[in-house]
Amino acid sequence: MGRILAIDYGVRRTGLAVTDPLQIIPGGLTTVDTPRLLDYLKDYLAREDVERFVVGLPRQTNGRDSDNLPRVRSFVAQLQKTFPAVPVDMWDERYTSVMAQHAILESGIGKMARRNKALVDEVSAVIILQGWMERRV
């Protein structure tokens, strides 16, 4: 059984989360500068068995497409071309950044760490992955 890897794709940074090999627990992996994302994923998939990608689907609160959606769709096309054997699911990412900021605040992390946007991106990826996993059950 391979891991499920979630991607919170951003213009500058991309948050990544991954399950354990038994696909029971989601956890933060890292945040990567978006221009280096495919290279990072190639290296990661060379070391780890990934069964599926879950990519955050950016929508506005009213359900309409966000400005980032064309970039995400282009990235998903590159992802499918680069890793044709790994299926890609899209998952609604509305409110994940707000939920991530709230989770970080409630965790008791210090003020400076809470300002770390990379941490917000990584936690957002965990929330995307957790939502996808809950739907699957």
C-alpha atoms as a PDB file:
ATOM      1  CA  MET A   1       0.000   0.000   0.000  1.00  0.00           C
ATOM      2  CA  GLY A   2       1.421   3.378  -0.976  1.00  0.00           C
ATOM      3  CA  ARG A   3       1.142   6.762   0.621  1.00  0.00           C
ATOM      4  CA  ILE A   4      -1.370   9.437  -0.368  1.00  0.00           C
ATOM      5  CA  LEU A   5       0.305  12.786  -0.984  1.00  0.00           C
ATOM      6  CA  ALA A   6      -1.687  16.030  -0.755  1.00  0.00           C
ATOM      7  CA  ILE A   7      -0.661  19.236  -2.485  1.00  0.00           C
ATOM      8  CA  ASP A   8      -1.743  22.761  -1.554  1.00  0.00           C
ATOM      9  CA  TYR A   9      -0.461  24.450  -4.708  1.00  0.00           C
ATOM     10  CA  GLY A  10       0.469  28.117  -4.486  1.00  0.00           C
ATOM     11  CA  VAL A  11       2.098  30.653  -6.761  1.00  0.00           C
ATOM     12  CA  ARG A  12       5.204  30.995  -4.560  1.00  0.00           C
ATOM     13  CA  ARG A  13       5.063  28.066  -2.143  1.00  0.00           C
ATOM     14  CA  THR A  14       3.353  24.700  -2.105  1.00  0.00           C
ATOM     15  CA  GLY A  15       2.446  22.827   1.039  1.00  0.00           C
ATOM     16  CA  LEU A  16       2.721  19.048   1.057  1.00  0.00           C
ATOM     17  CA  ALA A  17       1.189  16.452   3.354  1.00  0.00           C
ATOM     18  CA  VAL A  18       1.364  12.684   3.258  1.00  0.00           C
ATOM     19  CA  THR A  19      -0.168   9.665   4.915  1.00  0.00           C
ATOM     20  CA  ASP A  20       1.716   6.914   6.638  1.00  0.00           C
ATOM     21  CA  PRO A  21       2.225   3.801   4.459  1.00  0.00           C
ATOM     22  CA  LEU A  22      -0.997   2.231   5.813  1.00  0.00           C
ATOM     23  CA  GLN A  23      -2.957   5.380   4.874  1.00  0.00           C
ATOM     24  CA  ILE A  24      -4.264   5.869   8.403  1.00  0.00           C
ATOM     25  CA  ILE A  25      -2.669   9.107   9.607  1.00  0.00           C
ATOM     26  CA  PRO A  26      -2.123  12.311   7.602  1.00  0.00           C
ATOM     27  CA  GLY A  27       0.835  14.481   8.503  1.00  0.00           C
ATOM     28  CA  GLY A  28       2.701  17.483   7.214  1.00  0.00           C
ATOM     29  CA  LEU A  29       5.613  16.736   4.912  1.00  0.00           C
ATOM     30  CA  THR A  30       7.130  20.111   3.981  1.00  0.00           C
ATOM     31  CA  THR A  31       6.671  23.307   2.030  1.00  0.00           C
ATOM     32  CA  VAL A  32       8.491  23.654  -1.276  1.00  0.00           C
ATOM     33  CA  ASP A  33       9.161  26.677  -3.472  1.00  0.00           C
ATOM     34  CA  THR A  34       6.684  26.114  -6.294  1.00  0.00           C
ATOM     35  CA  PRO A  35       9.245  26.404  -9.132  1.00  0.00           C
ATOM     36  CA  ARG A  36      11.103  23.428  -7.556  1.00  0.00           C
ATOM     37  CA  LEU A  37       7.991  21.361  -6.840  1.00  0.00           C
ATOM     38  CA  LEU A  38       8.206  18.785  -9.635  1.00  0.00           C
ATOM     39  CA  ASP A  39      11.886  18.153  -8.911  1.00  0.00           C
ATOM     40  CA  TYR A  40      11.064  17.635  -5.231  1.00  0.00           C
ATOM     41  CA  LEU A  41       8.242  15.225  -6.109  1.00  0.00           C
ATOM     42  CA  LYS A  42      10.489  13.246  -8.481  1.00  0.00           C
ATOM     43  CA  ASP A  43      13.024  12.811  -5.691  1.00  0.00           C
ATOM     44  CA  TYR A  44      10.345  11.925  -3.130  1.00  0.00           C
ATOM     45  CA  LEU A  45       8.652   9.352  -5.373  1.00  0.00           C
ATOM     46  CA  ALA A  46      12.036   7.779  -6.099  1.00  0.00           C
ATOM     47  CA  ARG A  47      12.312   7.055  -2.339  1.00  0.00           C
ATOM     48  CA  GLU A  48       8.668   6.512  -1.314  1.00  0.00           C
ATOM     49  CA  ASP A  49       5.741   4.611  -2.790  1.00  0.00           C
ATOM     50  CA  VAL A  50       2.966   7.117  -3.529  1.00  0.00           C
ATOM     51  CA  GLU A  51      -0.359   5.611  -4.566  1.00  0.00           C
ATOM     52  CA  ARG A  52      -2.306   8.807  -5.233  1.00  0.00           C
ATOM     53  CA  PHE A  53      -2.044  12.601  -5.314  1.00  0.00           C
ATOM     54  CA  VAL A  54      -4.752  14.821  -3.826  1.00  0.00           C
ATOM     55  CA  VAL A  55      -4.508  18.383  -5.116  1.00  0.00           C
ATOM     56  CA  GLY A  56      -6.372  21.270  -3.531  1.00  0.00           C
ATOM     57  CA  LEU A  57      -9.050  22.681  -5.845  1.00  0.00           C
ATOM     58  CA  PRO A  58      -9.085  26.450  -5.359  1.00  0.00           C
ATOM     59  CA  ARG A  59     -12.586  27.868  -5.251  1.00  0.00           C
ATOM     60  CA  GLN A  60     -13.985  31.128  -3.939  1.00  0.00           C
ATOM     61  CA  THR A  61     -16.359  31.044  -0.990  1.00  0.00           C
ATOM     62  CA  ASN A  62     -19.304  31.357  -3.391  1.00  0.00           C
ATOM     63  CA  GLY A  63     -18.168  28.208  -5.239  1.00  0.00           C
ATOM     64  CA  ARG A  64     -16.802  29.979  -8.296  1.00  0.00           C
ATOM     65  CA  ASP A  65     -13.347  29.260  -9.643  1.00  0.00           C
ATOM     66  CA  SER A  66     -10.520  31.233  -8.024  1.00  0.00           C
ATOM     67  CA  ASP A  67      -7.838  33.123  -9.920  1.00  0.00           C
ATOM     68  CA  ASN A  68      -5.377  30.334  -9.095  1.00  0.00           C
ATOM     69  CA  LEU A  69      -7.441  27.555 -10.694  1.00  0.00           C
ATOM     70  CA  PRO A  70      -5.872  27.812 -14.189  1.00  0.00           C
ATOM     71  CA  ARG A  71      -2.405  27.503 -12.632  1.00  0.00           C
ATOM     72  CA  VAL A  72      -3.520  24.491 -10.592  1.00  0.00           C
ATOM     73  CA  ARG A  73      -5.030  22.799 -13.649  1.00  0.00           C
ATOM     74  CA  SER A  74      -1.800  23.397 -15.580  1.00  0.00           C
ATOM     75  CA  PHE A  75       0.192  21.916 -12.689  1.00  0.00           C
ATOM     76  CA  VAL A  76      -2.117  18.873 -12.522  1.00  0.00           C
ATOM     77  CA  ALA A  77      -1.542  18.304 -16.255  1.00  0.00           C
ATOM     78  CA  GLN A  78       2.246  18.399 -15.641  1.00  0.00           C
ATOM     79  CA  LEU A  79       1.827  16.088 -12.651  1.00  0.00           C
ATOM     80  CA  GLN A  80      -0.117  13.544 -14.714  1.00  0.00           C
ATOM     81  CA  LYS A  81       2.432  13.722 -17.521  1.00  0.00           C
ATOM     82  CA  THR A  82       5.370  13.312 -15.119  1.00  0.00           C
ATOM     83  CA  PHE A  83       3.753  10.535 -13.036  1.00  0.00           C
ATOM     84  CA  PRO A  84       1.246   8.824 -15.359  1.00  0.00           C
ATOM     85  CA  ALA A  85       0.843   5.778 -13.088  1.00  0.00           C
ATOM     86  CA  VAL A  86      -0.266   7.872 -10.086  1.00  0.00           C
ATOM     87  CA  PRO A  87      -3.920   8.984 -10.126  1.00  0.00           C
ATOM     88  CA  VAL A  88      -4.794  12.559  -9.172  1.00  0.00           C
ATOM     89  CA  ASP A  89      -7.880  13.592  -7.212  1.00  0.00           C
ATOM     90  CA  MET A  90      -8.963  17.186  -6.718  1.00  0.00           C
ATOM     91  CA  TRP A  91     -10.333  18.271  -3.326  1.00  0.00           C
ATOM     92  CA  ASP A  92     -12.129  21.516  -2.487  1.00  0.00           C
ATOM     93  CA  GLU A  93      -9.702  23.638  -0.509  1.00  0.00           C
ATOM     94  CA  ARG A  94     -12.059  26.442   0.504  1.00  0.00           C
ATOM     95  CA  TYR A  95     -11.322  27.682   4.014  1.00  0.00           C
ATOM     96  CA  THR A  96      -8.244  25.479   4.477  1.00  0.00           C
ATOM     97  CA  SER A  97      -5.926  28.465   5.058  1.00  0.00           C
ATOM     98  CA  VAL A  98      -8.270  29.885   7.688  1.00  0.00           C
ATOM     99  CA  MET A  99      -8.602  26.470   9.312  1.00  0.00           C
ATOM    100  CA  ALA A 100      -4.812  26.053   9.232  1.00  0.00           C
ATOM    101  CA  GLN A 101      -4.228  29.430  10.892  1.00  0.00           C
ATOM    102  CA  HIS A 102      -6.773  28.549  13.562  1.00  0.00           C
ATOM    103  CA  ALA A 103      -5.176  25.144  14.179  1.00  0.00           C
ATOM    104  CA  ILE A 104      -1.725  26.722  14.459  1.00  0.00           C
ATOM    105  CA  LEU A 105      -3.032  29.345  16.904  1.00  0.00           C
ATOM    106  CA  GLU A 106      -4.715  26.683  19.042  1.00  0.00           C
ATOM    107  CA  SER A 107      -1.571  24.542  19.062  1.00  0.00           C
ATOM    108  CA  GLY A 108       0.211  27.031  21.294  1.00  0.00           C
ATOM    109  CA  ILE A 109       3.004  27.725  18.815  1.00  0.00           C
ATOM    110  CA  GLY A 110       4.788  31.023  19.476  1.00  0.00           C
ATOM    111  CA  LYS A 111       3.866  34.251  17.738  1.00  0.00           C
ATOM    112  CA  MET A 112       6.840  34.243  15.339  1.00  0.00           C
ATOM    113  CA  ALA A 113       6.160  30.671  14.226  1.00  0.00           C
ATOM    114  CA  ARG A 114       2.504  31.533  13.592  1.00  0.00           C
ATOM    115  CA  ARG A 115       3.633  34.170  11.070  1.00  0.00           C
ATOM    116  CA  ASN A 116       5.424  31.495   9.055  1.00  0.00           C
ATOM    117  CA  LYS A 117       3.378  31.285   5.834  1.00  0.00           C
ATOM    118  CA  ALA A 118       5.147  28.068   4.859  1.00  0.00           C
ATOM    119  CA  LEU A 119       3.748  26.416   7.974  1.00  0.00           C
ATOM    120  CA  VAL A 120       0.243  27.579   7.026  1.00  0.00           C
ATOM    121  CA  ASP A 121       0.701  26.030   3.562  1.00  0.00           C
ATOM    122  CA  GLU A 122       1.852  22.715   5.029  1.00  0.00           C
ATOM    123  CA  VAL A 123      -0.995  22.583   7.557  1.00  0.00           C
ATOM    124  CA  SER A 124      -3.441  23.469   4.758  1.00  0.00           C
ATOM    125  CA  ALA A 125      -2.174  20.447   2.828  1.00  0.00           C
ATOM    126  CA  VAL A 126      -2.798  18.287   5.911  1.00  0.00           C
ATOM    127  CA  ILE A 127      -6.378  19.613   6.118  1.00  0.00           C
ATOM    128  CA  ILE A 128      -6.928  18.854   2.417  1.00  0.00           C
ATOM    129  CA  LEU A 129      -5.612  15.322   2.932  1.00  0.00           C
ATOM    130  CA  GLN A 130      -7.664  14.777   6.066  1.00  0.00           C
ATOM    131  CA  GLY A 131     -10.852  15.924   4.309  1.00  0.00           C
ATOM    132  CA  TRP A 132     -10.178  13.610   1.378  1.00  0.00           C
ATOM    133  CA  MET A 133      -9.509  10.700   3.742  1.00  0.00           C
ATOM    134  CA  GLU A 134     -12.701  11.304   5.705  1.00  0.00           C
ATOM    135  CA  ARG A 135     -14.766  11.293   2.520  1.00  0.00           C
ATOM    136  CA  ARG A 136     -13.202   7.997   1.514  1.00  0.00           C
ATOM    137  CA  VAL A 137     -14.382   6.151   4.635  1.00  0.00           C
END
